[in-house]
Amino acid sequence: MLSHVDAIATVATRDIAKAKEFYSNILGLEEEDGGDDCPDVLSYRSGKSRIFVYRSDYAGTNQATAINWDVGVEIKTVVDTLKAKGAVFERYQMEGMRLEDDIHVGEQMKVAWLKDPDGNILSIIGK
């Protein structure tokens, strides 16, 4: 029933202004028009997907990854660019993965995790 409909990632924030700074300036996402109708919600386009960032007192309580971006072989370039813009990447101890700079490398995938200002976990995935 829903297999042909695009899904929208939804992430909570306690501070819309800080979230806008991070998602717009650090991640480089472009805010969609129409935000004036609902000032507590930001809407971004990311490829064919959309991301809603909304104000909530429960922001940052999810301890799992909220959004993934698959950037393929460009992962090192993307991670380096984000780091130059001020992104701070997480380092986890994971069986079967080694750390190369800010990128966790496994046999068949590479991934780098970072958090937004509310502590929501985001990841950059590559090959």
PDB file of N, CA and C in Angstrom:
ATOM      1  N   MET A   1       0.805  -1.194   0.000  1.00  0.00           N
ATOM      2  CA  MET A   1       0.000   0.000   0.000  1.00  0.00           C
ATOM      3  C   MET A   1       0.864   1.280   0.000  1.00  0.00           C
ATOM      4  N   LEU A   2       1.956   1.304   0.751  1.00  0.00           N
ATOM      5  CA  LEU A   2       2.788   2.501   0.821  1.00  0.00           C
ATOM      6  C   LEU A   2       4.094   2.367   0.052  1.00  0.00           C
ATOM      7  N   SER A   3       4.324   1.265  -0.614  1.00  0.00           N
ATOM      8  CA  SER A   3       5.616   1.009  -1.246  1.00  0.00           C
ATOM      9  C   SER A   3       5.954   1.982  -2.374  1.00  0.00           C
ATOM     10  N   HIS A   4       4.983   2.633  -2.946  1.00  0.00           N
ATOM     11  CA  HIS A   4       5.235   3.568  -4.047  1.00  0.00           C
ATOM     12  C   HIS A   4       5.270   5.039  -3.601  1.00  0.00           C
ATOM     13  N   VAL A   5       5.114   5.286  -2.300  1.00  0.00           N
ATOM     14  CA  VAL A   5       5.055   6.649  -1.766  1.00  0.00           C
ATOM     15  C   VAL A   5       6.366   6.973  -1.041  1.00  0.00           C
ATOM     16  N   ASP A   6       6.916   8.146  -1.311  1.00  0.00           N
ATOM     17  CA  ASP A   6       8.140   8.555  -0.628  1.00  0.00           C
ATOM     18  C   ASP A   6       7.879   8.769   0.858  1.00  0.00           C
ATOM     19  N   ALA A   7       8.833   8.385   1.691  1.00  0.00           N
ATOM     20  CA  ALA A   7       8.752   8.608   3.133  1.00  0.00           C
ATOM     21  C   ALA A   7       9.459   9.925   3.473  1.00  0.00           C
ATOM     22  N   ILE A   8       9.121  10.477   4.626  1.00  0.00           N
ATOM     23  CA  ILE A   8       9.727  11.724   5.092  1.00  0.00           C
ATOM     24  C   ILE A   8      10.399  11.451   6.430  1.00  0.00           C
ATOM     25  N   ALA A   9      11.682  11.765   6.526  1.00  0.00           N
ATOM     26  CA  ALA A   9      12.385  11.646   7.802  1.00  0.00           C
ATOM     27  C   ALA A   9      11.946  12.799   8.701  1.00  0.00           C
ATOM     28  N   THR A  10      11.744  12.518   9.971  1.00  0.00           N
ATOM     29  CA  THR A  10      11.289  13.526  10.920  1.00  0.00           C
ATOM     30  C   THR A  10      12.212  13.520  12.125  1.00  0.00           C
ATOM     31  N   VAL A  11      12.741  14.708  12.466  1.00  0.00           N
ATOM     32  CA  VAL A  11      13.693  14.840  13.558  1.00  0.00           C
ATOM     33  C   VAL A  11      13.230  15.965  14.477  1.00  0.00           C
ATOM     34  N   ALA A  12      13.284  15.714  15.771  1.00  0.00           N
ATOM     35  CA  ALA A  12      12.851  16.711  16.747  1.00  0.00           C
ATOM     36  C   ALA A  12      13.994  17.622  17.167  1.00  0.00           C
ATOM     37  N   THR A  13      13.656  18.857  17.504  1.00  0.00           N
ATOM     38  CA  THR A  13      14.624  19.824  18.018  1.00  0.00           C
ATOM     39  C   THR A  13      13.990  20.628  19.149  1.00  0.00           C
ATOM     40  N   ARG A  14      14.795  21.039  20.092  1.00  0.00           N
ATOM     41  CA  ARG A  14      14.316  21.935  21.148  1.00  0.00           C
ATOM     42  C   ARG A  14      14.440  23.392  20.714  1.00  0.00           C
ATOM     43  N   ASP A  15      15.341  23.681  19.763  1.00  0.00           N
ATOM     44  CA  ASP A  15      15.626  25.051  19.362  1.00  0.00           C
ATOM     45  C   ASP A  15      15.658  25.135  17.838  1.00  0.00           C
ATOM     46  N   ILE A  16      14.612  25.682  17.254  1.00  0.00           N
ATOM     47  CA  ILE A  16      14.491  25.771  15.797  1.00  0.00           C
ATOM     48  C   ILE A  16      15.656  26.564  15.190  1.00  0.00           C
ATOM     49  N   ALA A  17      16.075  27.643  15.830  1.00  0.00           N
ATOM     50  CA  ALA A  17      17.161  28.466  15.286  1.00  0.00           C
ATOM     51  C   ALA A  17      18.475  27.688  15.216  1.00  0.00           C
ATOM     52  N   LYS A  18      18.813  26.948  16.275  1.00  0.00           N
ATOM     53  CA  LYS A  18      20.042  26.133  16.266  1.00  0.00           C
ATOM     54  C   LYS A  18      19.944  25.031  15.224  1.00  0.00           C
ATOM     55  N   ALA A  19      18.772  24.417  15.124  1.00  0.00           N
ATOM     56  CA  ALA A  19      18.576  23.356  14.133  1.00  0.00           C
ATOM     57  C   ALA A  19      18.729  23.909  12.721  1.00  0.00           C
ATOM     58  N   LYS A  20      18.154  25.079  12.477  1.00  0.00           N
ATOM     59  CA  LYS A  20      18.253  25.696  11.154  1.00  0.00           C
ATOM     60  C   LYS A  20      19.715  25.979  10.804  1.00  0.00           C
ATOM     61  N   GLU A  21      20.471  26.494  11.766  1.00  0.00           N
ATOM     62  CA  GLU A  21      21.902  26.750  11.560  1.00  0.00           C
ATOM     63  C   GLU A  21      22.620  25.454  11.173  1.00  0.00           C
ATOM     64  N   PHE A  22      22.365  24.365  11.900  1.00  0.00           N
ATOM     65  CA  PHE A  22      23.036  23.092  11.649  1.00  0.00           C
ATOM     66  C   PHE A  22      22.619  22.484  10.311  1.00  0.00           C
ATOM     67  N   TYR A  23      21.324  22.315  10.096  1.00  0.00           N
ATOM     68  CA  TYR A  23      20.850  21.626   8.890  1.00  0.00           C
ATOM     69  C   TYR A  23      21.103  22.445   7.626  1.00  0.00           C
ATOM     70  N   SER A  24      21.028  23.774   7.730  1.00  0.00           N
ATOM     71  CA  SER A  24      21.262  24.625   6.565  1.00  0.00           C
ATOM     72  C   SER A  24      22.744  24.876   6.321  1.00  0.00           C
ATOM     73  N   ASN A  25      23.467  25.310   7.350  1.00  0.00           N
ATOM     74  CA  ASN A  25      24.852  25.751   7.154  1.00  0.00           C
ATOM     75  C   ASN A  25      25.891  24.645   7.292  1.00  0.00           C
ATOM     76  N   ILE A  26      25.703  23.716   8.221  1.00  0.00           N
ATOM     77  CA  ILE A  26      26.678  22.623   8.374  1.00  0.00           C
ATOM     78  C   ILE A  26      26.403  21.526   7.343  1.00  0.00           C
ATOM     79  N   LEU A  27      25.163  21.021   7.307  1.00  0.00           N
ATOM     80  CA  LEU A  27      24.846  19.945   6.365  1.00  0.00           C
ATOM     81  C   LEU A  27      24.614  20.447   4.946  1.00  0.00           C
ATOM     82  N   GLY A  28      24.314  21.730   4.793  1.00  0.00           N
ATOM     83  CA  GLY A  28      24.131  22.297   3.458  1.00  0.00           C
ATOM     84  C   GLY A  28      22.794  21.984   2.811  1.00  0.00           C
ATOM     85  N   LEU A  29      21.791  21.641   3.612  1.00  0.00           N
ATOM     86  CA  LEU A  29      20.467  21.377   3.062  1.00  0.00           C
ATOM     87  C   LEU A  29      19.753  22.693   2.786  1.00  0.00           C
ATOM     88  N   GLU A  30      18.937  22.712   1.741  1.00  0.00           N
ATOM     89  CA  GLU A  30      18.172  23.917   1.409  1.00  0.00           C
ATOM     90  C   GLU A  30      16.774  23.793   1.977  1.00  0.00           C
ATOM     91  N   GLU A  31      16.399  24.818   2.720  1.00  0.00           N
ATOM     92  CA  GLU A  31      15.062  24.834   3.313  1.00  0.00           C
ATOM     93  C   GLU A  31      14.033  25.060   2.209  1.00  0.00           C
ATOM     94  N   GLU A  32      12.943  24.308   2.284  1.00  0.00           N
ATOM     95  CA  GLU A  32      11.858  24.478   1.324  1.00  0.00           C
ATOM     96  C   GLU A  32      11.026  25.697   1.696  1.00  0.00           C
ATOM     97  N   ASP A  33      10.418  26.300   0.711  1.00  0.00           N
ATOM     98  CA  ASP A  33       9.524  27.428   0.949  1.00  0.00           C
ATOM     99  C   ASP A  33       8.269  26.966   1.683  1.00  0.00           C
ATOM    100  N   GLY A  34       7.591  27.915   2.302  1.00  0.00           N
ATOM    101  CA  GLY A  34       6.329  27.598   2.963  1.00  0.00           C
ATOM    102  C   GLY A  34       6.444  27.448   4.451  1.00  0.00           C
ATOM    103  N   GLY A  35       7.623  27.699   5.032  1.00  0.00           N
ATOM    104  CA  GLY A  35       7.820  27.554   6.460  1.00  0.00           C
ATOM    105  C   GLY A  35       7.112  28.602   7.298  1.00  0.00           C
ATOM    106  N   ASP A  36       6.645  29.675   6.666  1.00  0.00           N
ATOM    107  CA  ASP A  36       5.986  30.743   7.410  1.00  0.00           C
ATOM    108  C   ASP A  36       4.681  30.287   8.041  1.00  0.00           C
ATOM    109  N   ASP A  37       4.020  29.303   7.432  1.00  0.00           N
ATOM    110  CA  ASP A  37       2.737  28.816   7.950  1.00  0.00           C
ATOM    111  C   ASP A  37       2.887  28.101   9.284  1.00  0.00           C
ATOM    112  N   CYS A  38       4.035  27.487   9.499  1.00  0.00           N
ATOM    113  CA  CYS A  38       4.270  26.715  10.720  1.00  0.00           C
ATOM    114  C   CYS A  38       5.688  27.015  11.213  1.00  0.00           C
ATOM    115  N   PRO A  39       5.858  28.026  12.063  1.00  0.00           N
ATOM    116  CA  PRO A  39       7.200  28.441  12.464  1.00  0.00           C
ATOM    117  C   PRO A  39       7.975  27.426  13.303  1.00  0.00           C
ATOM    118  N   ASP A  40       7.312  26.393  13.837  1.00  0.00           N
ATOM    119  CA  ASP A  40       7.993  25.375  14.636  1.00  0.00           C
ATOM    120  C   ASP A  40       8.384  24.154  13.823  1.00  0.00           C
ATOM    121  N   VAL A  41       8.331  24.262  12.489  1.00  0.00           N
ATOM    122  CA  VAL A  41       8.706  23.154  11.603  1.00  0.00           C
ATOM    123  C   VAL A  41       9.574  23.684  10.476  1.00  0.00           C
ATOM    124  N   LEU A  42      10.713  23.023  10.253  1.00  0.00           N
ATOM    125  CA  LEU A  42      11.567  23.306   9.105  1.00  0.00           C
ATOM    126  C   LEU A  42      11.397  22.157   8.127  1.00  0.00           C
ATOM    127  N   SER A  43      11.388  22.440   6.846  1.00  0.00           N
ATOM    128  CA  SER A  43      11.254  21.410   5.832  1.00  0.00           C
ATOM    129  C   SER A  43      12.421  21.535   4.860  1.00  0.00           C
ATOM    130  N   TYR A  44      13.121  20.416   4.654  1.00  0.00           N
ATOM    131  CA  TYR A  44      14.269  20.389   3.759  1.00  0.00           C
ATOM    132  C   TYR A  44      14.067  19.317   2.701  1.00  0.00           C
ATOM    133  N   ARG A  45      14.650  19.527   1.536  1.00  0.00           N
ATOM    134  CA  ARG A  45      14.697  18.527   0.479  1.00  0.00           C
ATOM    135  C   ARG A  45      16.102  17.954   0.496  1.00  0.00           C
ATOM    136  N   SER A  46      16.215  16.636   0.434  1.00  0.00           N
ATOM    137  CA  SER A  46      17.499  15.945   0.373  1.00  0.00           C
ATOM    138  C   SER A  46      17.371  14.874  -0.702  1.00  0.00           C
ATOM    139  N   GLY A  47      17.855  15.165  -1.891  1.00  0.00           N
ATOM    140  CA  GLY A  47      17.639  14.254  -3.010  1.00  0.00           C
ATOM    141  C   GLY A  47      16.156  14.197  -3.315  1.00  0.00           C
ATOM    142  N   LYS A  48      15.602  12.995  -3.396  1.00  0.00           N
ATOM    143  CA  LYS A  48      14.164  12.827  -3.615  1.00  0.00           C
ATOM    144  C   LYS A  48      13.397  12.751  -2.301  1.00  0.00           C
ATOM    145  N   SER A  49      14.124  12.836  -1.197  1.00  0.00           N
ATOM    146  CA  SER A  49      13.509  12.719   0.127  1.00  0.00           C
ATOM    147  C   SER A  49      13.267  14.093   0.732  1.00  0.00           C
ATOM    148  N   ARG A  50      12.460  14.101   1.784  1.00  0.00           N
ATOM    149  CA  ARG A  50      12.243  15.313   2.549  1.00  0.00           C
ATOM    150  C   ARG A  50      12.573  15.025   4.008  1.00  0.00           C
ATOM    151  N   ILE A  51      12.984  16.076   4.691  1.00  0.00           N
ATOM    152  CA  ILE A  51      13.283  15.989   6.115  1.00  0.00           C
ATOM    153  C   ILE A  51      12.506  17.091   6.812  1.00  0.00           C
ATOM    154  N   PHE A  52      11.717  16.716   7.805  1.00  0.00           N
ATOM    155  CA  PHE A  52      11.042  17.689   8.651  1.00  0.00           C
ATOM    156  C   PHE A  52      11.798  17.773   9.968  1.00  0.00           C
ATOM    157  N   VAL A  53      12.094  18.969  10.410  1.00  0.00           N
ATOM    158  CA  VAL A  53      12.698  19.211  11.716  1.00  0.00           C
ATOM    159  C   VAL A  53      11.677  20.033  12.486  1.00  0.00           C
ATOM    160  N   TYR A  54      11.197  19.494  13.600  1.00  0.00           N
ATOM    161  CA  TYR A  54      10.110  20.158  14.320  1.00  0.00           C
ATOM    162  C   TYR A  54      10.466  20.345  15.787  1.00  0.00           C
ATOM    163  N   ARG A  55       9.905  21.376  16.404  1.00  0.00           N
ATOM    164  CA  ARG A  55      10.156  21.669  17.804  1.00  0.00           C
ATOM    165  C   ARG A  55       9.412  20.682  18.691  1.00  0.00           C
ATOM    166  N   SER A  56      10.164  20.107  19.660  1.00  0.00           N
ATOM    167  CA  SER A  56       9.590  19.137  20.590  1.00  0.00           C
ATOM    168  C   SER A  56      10.411  19.109  21.872  1.00  0.00           C
ATOM    169  N   ASP A  57       9.727  18.960  22.981  1.00  0.00           N
ATOM    170  CA  ASP A  57      10.422  18.812  24.267  1.00  0.00           C
ATOM    171  C   ASP A  57      11.144  17.464  24.366  1.00  0.00           C
ATOM    172  N   TYR A  58      10.864  16.541  23.457  1.00  0.00           N
ATOM    173  CA  TYR A  58      11.462  15.206  23.487  1.00  0.00           C
ATOM    174  C   TYR A  58      12.666  15.077  22.552  1.00  0.00           C
ATOM    175  N   ALA A  59      13.131  16.189  22.018  1.00  0.00           N
ATOM    176  CA  ALA A  59      14.260  16.172  21.083  1.00  0.00           C
ATOM    177  C   ALA A  59      15.481  15.517  21.716  1.00  0.00           C
ATOM    178  N   GLY A  60      16.184  14.727  20.920  1.00  0.00           N
ATOM    179  CA  GLY A  60      17.431  14.121  21.352  1.00  0.00           C
ATOM    180  C   GLY A  60      17.291  12.895  22.233  1.00  0.00           C
ATOM    181  N   THR A  61      16.078  12.415  22.450  1.00  0.00           N
ATOM    182  CA  THR A  61      15.902  11.259  23.327  1.00  0.00           C
ATOM    183  C   THR A  61      16.047   9.925  22.591  1.00  0.00           C
ATOM    184  N   ASN A  62      16.031   9.937  21.269  1.00  0.00           N
ATOM    185  CA  ASN A  62      16.229   8.724  20.492  1.00  0.00           C
ATOM    186  C   ASN A  62      17.715   8.371  20.526  1.00  0.00           C
ATOM    187  N   GLN A  63      18.055   7.170  20.889  1.00  0.00           N
ATOM    188  CA  GLN A  63      19.452   6.734  20.970  1.00  0.00           C
ATOM    189  C   GLN A  63      19.877   5.913  19.761  1.00  0.00           C
ATOM    190  N   ALA A  64      19.066   5.958  18.707  1.00  0.00           N
ATOM    191  CA  ALA A  64      19.386   5.246  17.473  1.00  0.00           C
ATOM    192  C   ALA A  64      19.529   6.262  16.337  1.00  0.00           C
ATOM    193  N   THR A  65      20.076   5.830  15.224  1.00  0.00           N
ATOM    194  CA  THR A  65      20.257   6.718  14.083  1.00  0.00           C
ATOM    195  C   THR A  65      18.907   7.158  13.537  1.00  0.00           C
ATOM    196  N   ALA A  66      18.773   8.477  13.330  1.00  0.00           N
ATOM    197  CA  ALA A  66      17.519   9.046  12.844  1.00  0.00           C
ATOM    198  C   ALA A  66      17.499   9.212  11.329  1.00  0.00           C
ATOM    199  N   ILE A  67      18.626   9.623  10.745  1.00  0.00           N
ATOM    200  CA  ILE A  67      18.700   9.850   9.297  1.00  0.00           C
ATOM    201  C   ILE A  67      20.019   9.289   8.784  1.00  0.00           C
ATOM    202  N   ASN A  68      19.979   8.652   7.602  1.00  0.00           N
ATOM    203  CA  ASN A  68      21.165   8.153   6.909  1.00  0.00           C
ATOM    204  C   ASN A  68      21.241   8.786   5.528  1.00  0.00           C
ATOM    205  N   TRP A  69      22.434   9.154   5.116  1.00  0.00           N
ATOM    206  CA  TRP A  69      22.664   9.607   3.746  1.00  0.00           C
ATOM    207  C   TRP A  69      23.665   8.654   3.132  1.00  0.00           C
ATOM    208  N   ASP A  70      23.309   8.003   2.012  1.00  0.00           N
ATOM    209  CA  ASP A  70      24.214   7.103   1.308  1.00  0.00           C
ATOM    210  C   ASP A  70      24.916   7.903   0.222  1.00  0.00           C
ATOM    211  N   VAL A  71      26.193   8.191   0.431  1.00  0.00           N
ATOM    212  CA  VAL A  71      26.951   9.029  -0.497  1.00  0.00           C
ATOM    213  C   VAL A  71      27.930   8.228  -1.347  1.00  0.00           C
ATOM    214  N   GLY A  72      27.879   6.900  -1.223  1.00  0.00           N
ATOM    215  CA  GLY A  72      28.723   6.031  -2.046  1.00  0.00           C
ATOM    216  C   GLY A  72      30.198   6.260  -1.830  1.00  0.00           C
ATOM    217  N   VAL A  73      30.947   6.306  -2.936  1.00  0.00           N
ATOM    218  CA  VAL A  73      32.401   6.413  -2.864  1.00  0.00           C
ATOM    219  C   VAL A  73      32.877   7.801  -2.433  1.00  0.00           C
ATOM    220  N   GLU A  74      31.979   8.753  -2.341  1.00  0.00           N
ATOM    221  CA  GLU A  74      32.332  10.129  -1.955  1.00  0.00           C
ATOM    222  C   GLU A  74      32.405  10.332  -0.449  1.00  0.00           C
ATOM    223  N   ILE A  75      32.321   9.255   0.329  1.00  0.00           N
ATOM    224  CA  ILE A  75      32.199   9.394   1.781  1.00  0.00           C
ATOM    225  C   ILE A  75      33.323  10.219   2.401  1.00  0.00           C
ATOM    226  N   LYS A  76      34.569   9.976   2.027  1.00  0.00           N
ATOM    227  CA  LYS A  76      35.678  10.725   2.639  1.00  0.00           C
ATOM    228  C   LYS A  76      35.566  12.209   2.325  1.00  0.00           C
ATOM    229  N   THR A  77      35.252  12.547   1.088  1.00  0.00           N
ATOM    230  CA  THR A  77      35.092  13.951   0.696  1.00  0.00           C
ATOM    231  C   THR A  77      33.958  14.607   1.473  1.00  0.00           C
ATOM    232  N   VAL A  78      32.828  13.917   1.585  1.00  0.00           N
ATOM    233  CA  VAL A  78      31.674  14.464   2.306  1.00  0.00           C
ATOM    234  C   VAL A  78      32.013  14.662   3.781  1.00  0.00           C
ATOM    235  N   VAL A  79      32.611  13.663   4.405  1.00  0.00           N
ATOM    236  CA  VAL A  79      32.970  13.755   5.822  1.00  0.00           C
ATOM    237  C   VAL A  79      33.986  14.883   6.047  1.00  0.00           C
ATOM    238  N   ASP A  80      34.996  14.976   5.202  1.00  0.00           N
ATOM    239  CA  ASP A  80      35.992  16.035   5.340  1.00  0.00           C
ATOM    240  C   ASP A  80      35.364  17.419   5.172  1.00  0.00           C
ATOM    241  N   THR A  81      34.446  17.566   4.226  1.00  0.00           N
ATOM    242  CA  THR A  81      33.766  18.839   3.997  1.00  0.00           C
ATOM    243  C   THR A  81      32.902  19.223   5.190  1.00  0.00           C
ATOM    244  N   LEU A  82      32.148  18.260   5.712  1.00  0.00           N
ATOM    245  CA  LEU A  82      31.306  18.533   6.880  1.00  0.00           C
ATOM    246  C   LEU A  82      32.166  18.899   8.093  1.00  0.00           C
ATOM    247  N   LYS A  83      33.267  18.200   8.263  1.00  0.00           N
ATOM    248  CA  LYS A  83      34.168  18.488   9.387  1.00  0.00           C
ATOM    249  C   LYS A  83      34.729  19.907   9.267  1.00  0.00           C
ATOM    250  N   ALA A  84      35.077  20.325   8.061  1.00  0.00           N
ATOM    251  CA  ALA A  84      35.592  21.674   7.839  1.00  0.00           C
ATOM    252  C   ALA A  84      34.541  22.738   8.156  1.00  0.00           C
ATOM    253  N   LYS A  85      33.268  22.360   8.059  1.00  0.00           N
ATOM    254  CA  LYS A  85      32.177  23.289   8.375  1.00  0.00           C
ATOM    255  C   LYS A  85      31.821  23.278   9.858  1.00  0.00           C
ATOM    256  N   GLY A  86      32.480  22.419  10.626  1.00  0.00           N
ATOM    257  CA  GLY A  86      32.242  22.382  12.063  1.00  0.00           C
ATOM    258  C   GLY A  86      31.552  21.144  12.589  1.00  0.00           C
ATOM    259  N   ALA A  87      31.229  20.186  11.727  1.00  0.00           N
ATOM    260  CA  ALA A  87      30.604  18.947  12.199  1.00  0.00           C
ATOM    261  C   ALA A  87      31.607  18.161  13.043  1.00  0.00           C
ATOM    262  N   VAL A  88      31.121  17.556  14.113  1.00  0.00           N
ATOM    263  CA  VAL A  88      31.944  16.731  14.988  1.00  0.00           C
ATOM    264  C   VAL A  88      31.437  15.294  14.858  1.00  0.00           C
ATOM    265  N   PHE A  89      32.328  14.387  14.527  1.00  0.00           N
ATOM    266  CA  PHE A  89      31.931  13.000  14.297  1.00  0.00           C
ATOM    267  C   PHE A  89      32.134  12.145  15.541  1.00  0.00           C
ATOM    268  N   GLU A  90      31.245  11.197  15.713  1.00  0.00           N
ATOM    269  CA  GLU A  90      31.262  10.271  16.839  1.00  0.00           C
ATOM    270  C   GLU A  90      32.237   9.129  16.540  1.00  0.00           C
ATOM    271  N   ARG A  91      32.753   8.541  17.597  1.00  0.00           N
ATOM    272  CA  ARG A  91      33.627   7.366  17.464  1.00  0.00           C
ATOM    273  C   ARG A  91      33.069   6.270  18.356  1.00  0.00           C
ATOM    274  N   TYR A  92      32.735   5.153  17.744  1.00  0.00           N
ATOM    275  CA  TYR A  92      32.154   4.031  18.464  1.00  0.00           C
ATOM    276  C   TYR A  92      33.073   2.824  18.357  1.00  0.00           C
ATOM    277  N   GLN A  93      33.065   1.988  19.372  1.00  0.00           N
ATOM    278  CA  GLN A  93      33.754   0.700  19.330  1.00  0.00           C
ATOM    279  C   GLN A  93      32.767  -0.312  18.774  1.00  0.00           C
ATOM    280  N   MET A  94      33.058  -0.852  17.610  1.00  0.00           N
ATOM    281  CA  MET A  94      32.144  -1.795  16.968  1.00  0.00           C
ATOM    282  C   MET A  94      32.918  -2.987  16.454  1.00  0.00           C
ATOM    283  N   GLU A  95      32.440  -4.147  16.819  1.00  0.00           N
ATOM    284  CA  GLU A  95      33.080  -5.374  16.358  1.00  0.00           C
ATOM    285  C   GLU A  95      33.011  -5.452  14.834  1.00  0.00           C
ATOM    286  N   GLY A  96      34.133  -5.791  14.223  1.00  0.00           N
ATOM    287  CA  GLY A  96      34.187  -5.945  12.774  1.00  0.00           C
ATOM    288  C   GLY A  96      34.422  -4.647  12.022  1.00  0.00           C
ATOM    289  N   MET A  97      34.628  -3.550  12.752  1.00  0.00           N
ATOM    290  CA  MET A  97      34.878  -2.270  12.093  1.00  0.00           C
ATOM    291  C   MET A  97      36.136  -1.637  12.684  1.00  0.00           C
ATOM    292  N   ARG A  98      36.891  -0.981  11.827  1.00  0.00           N
ATOM    293  CA  ARG A  98      38.064  -0.234  12.282  1.00  0.00           C
ATOM    294  C   ARG A  98      37.818   1.243  11.966  1.00  0.00           C
ATOM    295  N   LEU A  99      38.513   2.089  12.665  1.00  0.00           N
ATOM    296  CA  LEU A  99      38.347   3.522  12.492  1.00  0.00           C
ATOM    297  C   LEU A  99      39.460   4.079  11.610  1.00  0.00           C
ATOM    298  N   GLU A 100      39.078   4.783  10.557  1.00  0.00           N
ATOM    299  CA  GLU A 100      40.015   5.495   9.683  1.00  0.00           C
ATOM    300  C   GLU A 100      39.609   6.961   9.722  1.00  0.00           C
ATOM    301  N   ASP A 101      40.351   7.756  10.466  1.00  0.00           N
ATOM    302  CA  ASP A 101      39.991   9.145  10.747  1.00  0.00           C
ATOM    303  C   ASP A 101      38.613   9.148  11.422  1.00  0.00           C
ATOM    304  N   ASP A 102      37.611   9.731  10.787  1.00  0.00           N
ATOM    305  CA  ASP A 102      36.274   9.783  11.379  1.00  0.00           C
ATOM    306  C   ASP A 102      35.319   8.750  10.782  1.00  0.00           C
ATOM    307  N   ILE A 103      35.840   7.855   9.965  1.00  0.00           N
ATOM    308  CA  ILE A 103      35.005   6.888   9.252  1.00  0.00           C
ATOM    309  C   ILE A 103      35.235   5.487   9.803  1.00  0.00           C
ATOM    310  N   HIS A 104      34.141   4.819  10.168  1.00  0.00           N
ATOM    311  CA  HIS A 104      34.183   3.424  10.594  1.00  0.00           C
ATOM    312  C   HIS A 104      34.136   2.561   9.337  1.00  0.00           C
ATOM    313  N   VAL A 105      35.099   1.651   9.202  1.00  0.00           N
ATOM    314  CA  VAL A 105      35.230   0.850   7.993  1.00  0.00           C
ATOM    315  C   VAL A 105      35.024  -0.613   8.320  1.00  0.00           C
ATOM    316  N   GLY A 106      34.090  -1.231   7.607  1.00  0.00           N
ATOM    317  CA  GLY A 106      33.840  -2.664   7.716  1.00  0.00           C
ATOM    318  C   GLY A 106      34.153  -3.317   6.387  1.00  0.00           C
ATOM    319  N   GLU A 107      33.832  -4.598   6.270  1.00  0.00           N
ATOM    320  CA  GLU A 107      34.133  -5.315   5.030  1.00  0.00           C
ATOM    321  C   GLU A 107      33.372  -4.756   3.834  1.00  0.00           C
ATOM    322  N   GLN A 108      32.090  -4.439   4.024  1.00  0.00           N
ATOM    323  CA  GLN A 108      31.269  -4.043   2.883  1.00  0.00           C
ATOM    324  C   GLN A 108      30.688  -2.632   2.980  1.00  0.00           C
ATOM    325  N   MET A 109      31.024  -1.901   4.035  1.00  0.00           N
ATOM    326  CA  MET A 109      30.490  -0.551   4.131  1.00  0.00           C
ATOM    327  C   MET A 109      31.392   0.341   4.960  1.00  0.00           C
ATOM    328  N   LYS A 110      31.185   1.628   4.782  1.00  0.00           N
ATOM    329  CA  LYS A 110      31.843   2.650   5.584  1.00  0.00           C
ATOM    330  C   LYS A 110      30.730   3.544   6.137  1.00  0.00           C
ATOM    331  N   VAL A 111      30.936   4.030   7.353  1.00  0.00           N
ATOM    332  CA  VAL A 111      29.921   4.898   7.950  1.00  0.00           C
ATOM    333  C   VAL A 111      30.582   5.876   8.920  1.00  0.00           C
ATOM    334  N   ALA A 112      30.056   7.084   8.920  1.00  0.00           N
ATOM    335  CA  ALA A 112      30.488   8.106   9.869  1.00  0.00           C
ATOM    336  C   ALA A 112      29.234   8.650  10.541  1.00  0.00           C
ATOM    337  N   TRP A 113      29.275   8.739  11.869  1.00  0.00           N
ATOM    338  CA  TRP A 113      28.126   9.234  12.628  1.00  0.00           C
ATOM    339  C   TRP A 113      28.423  10.607  13.197  1.00  0.00           C
ATOM    340  N   LEU A 114      27.423  11.456  13.211  1.00  0.00           N
ATOM    341  CA  LEU A 114      27.509  12.748  13.868  1.00  0.00           C
ATOM    342  C   LEU A 114      26.170  13.036  14.527  1.00  0.00           C
ATOM    343  N   LYS A 115      26.165  14.035  15.401  1.00  0.00           N
ATOM    344  CA  LYS A 115      24.925  14.408  16.084  1.00  0.00           C
ATOM    345  C   LYS A 115      24.570  15.839  15.740  1.00  0.00           C
ATOM    346  N   ASP A 116      23.272  16.106  15.679  1.00  0.00           N
ATOM    347  CA  ASP A 116      22.820  17.482  15.496  1.00  0.00           C
ATOM    348  C   ASP A 116      22.839  18.180  16.854  1.00  0.00           C
ATOM    349  N   PRO A 117      22.482  19.455  16.941  1.00  0.00           N
ATOM    350  CA  PRO A 117      22.567  20.165  18.219  1.00  0.00           C
ATOM    351  C   PRO A 117      21.739  19.562  19.350  1.00  0.00           C
ATOM    352  N   ASP A 118      20.721  18.767  19.027  1.00  0.00           N
ATOM    353  CA  ASP A 118      19.893  18.139  20.056  1.00  0.00           C
ATOM    354  C   ASP A 118      20.356  16.743  20.427  1.00  0.00           C
ATOM    355  N   GLY A 119      21.391  16.248  19.760  1.00  0.00           N
ATOM    356  CA  GLY A 119      21.886  14.909  20.043  1.00  0.00           C
ATOM    357  C   GLY A 119      21.258  13.832  19.173  1.00  0.00           C
ATOM    358  N   ASN A 120      20.450  14.217  18.187  1.00  0.00           N
ATOM    359  CA  ASN A 120      19.913  13.223  17.233  1.00  0.00           C
ATOM    360  C   ASN A 120      21.074  12.665  16.436  1.00  0.00           C
ATOM    361  N   ILE A 121      21.121  11.355  16.277  1.00  0.00           N
ATOM    362  CA  ILE A 121      22.225  10.692  15.587  1.00  0.00           C
ATOM    363  C   ILE A 121      21.940  10.621  14.088  1.00  0.00           C
ATOM    364  N   LEU A 122      22.912  11.085  13.292  1.00  0.00           N
ATOM    365  CA  LEU A 122      22.822  11.087  11.846  1.00  0.00           C
ATOM    366  C   LEU A 122      24.010  10.304  11.306  1.00  0.00           C
ATOM    367  N   SER A 123      23.877   9.705  10.123  1.00  0.00           N
ATOM    368  CA  SER A 123      25.020   8.974   9.589  1.00  0.00           C
ATOM    369  C   SER A 123      25.219   9.241   8.105  1.00  0.00           C
ATOM    370  N   ILE A 124      26.481   9.170   7.734  1.00  0.00           N
ATOM    371  CA  ILE A 124      26.915   9.256   6.349  1.00  0.00           C
ATOM    372  C   ILE A 124      27.438   7.864   5.995  1.00  0.00           C
ATOM    373  N   ILE A 125      26.832   7.242   5.004  1.00  0.00           N
ATOM    374  CA  ILE A 125      27.179   5.863   4.620  1.00  0.00           C
ATOM    375  C   ILE A 125      27.859   5.874   3.263  1.00  0.00           C
ATOM    376  N   GLY A 126      28.848   5.016   3.097  1.00  0.00           N
ATOM    377  CA  GLY A 126      29.522   4.938   1.806  1.00  0.00           C
ATOM    378  C   GLY A 126      30.078   3.566   1.544  1.00  0.00           C
ATOM    379  N   LYS A 127      30.859   3.488   0.493  1.00  0.00           N
ATOM    380  CA  LYS A 127      31.444   2.218   0.067  1.00  0.00           C
ATOM    381  C   LYS A 127      32.935   2.355  -0.049  1.00  0.00           C
TER     382      LYS A 127
END
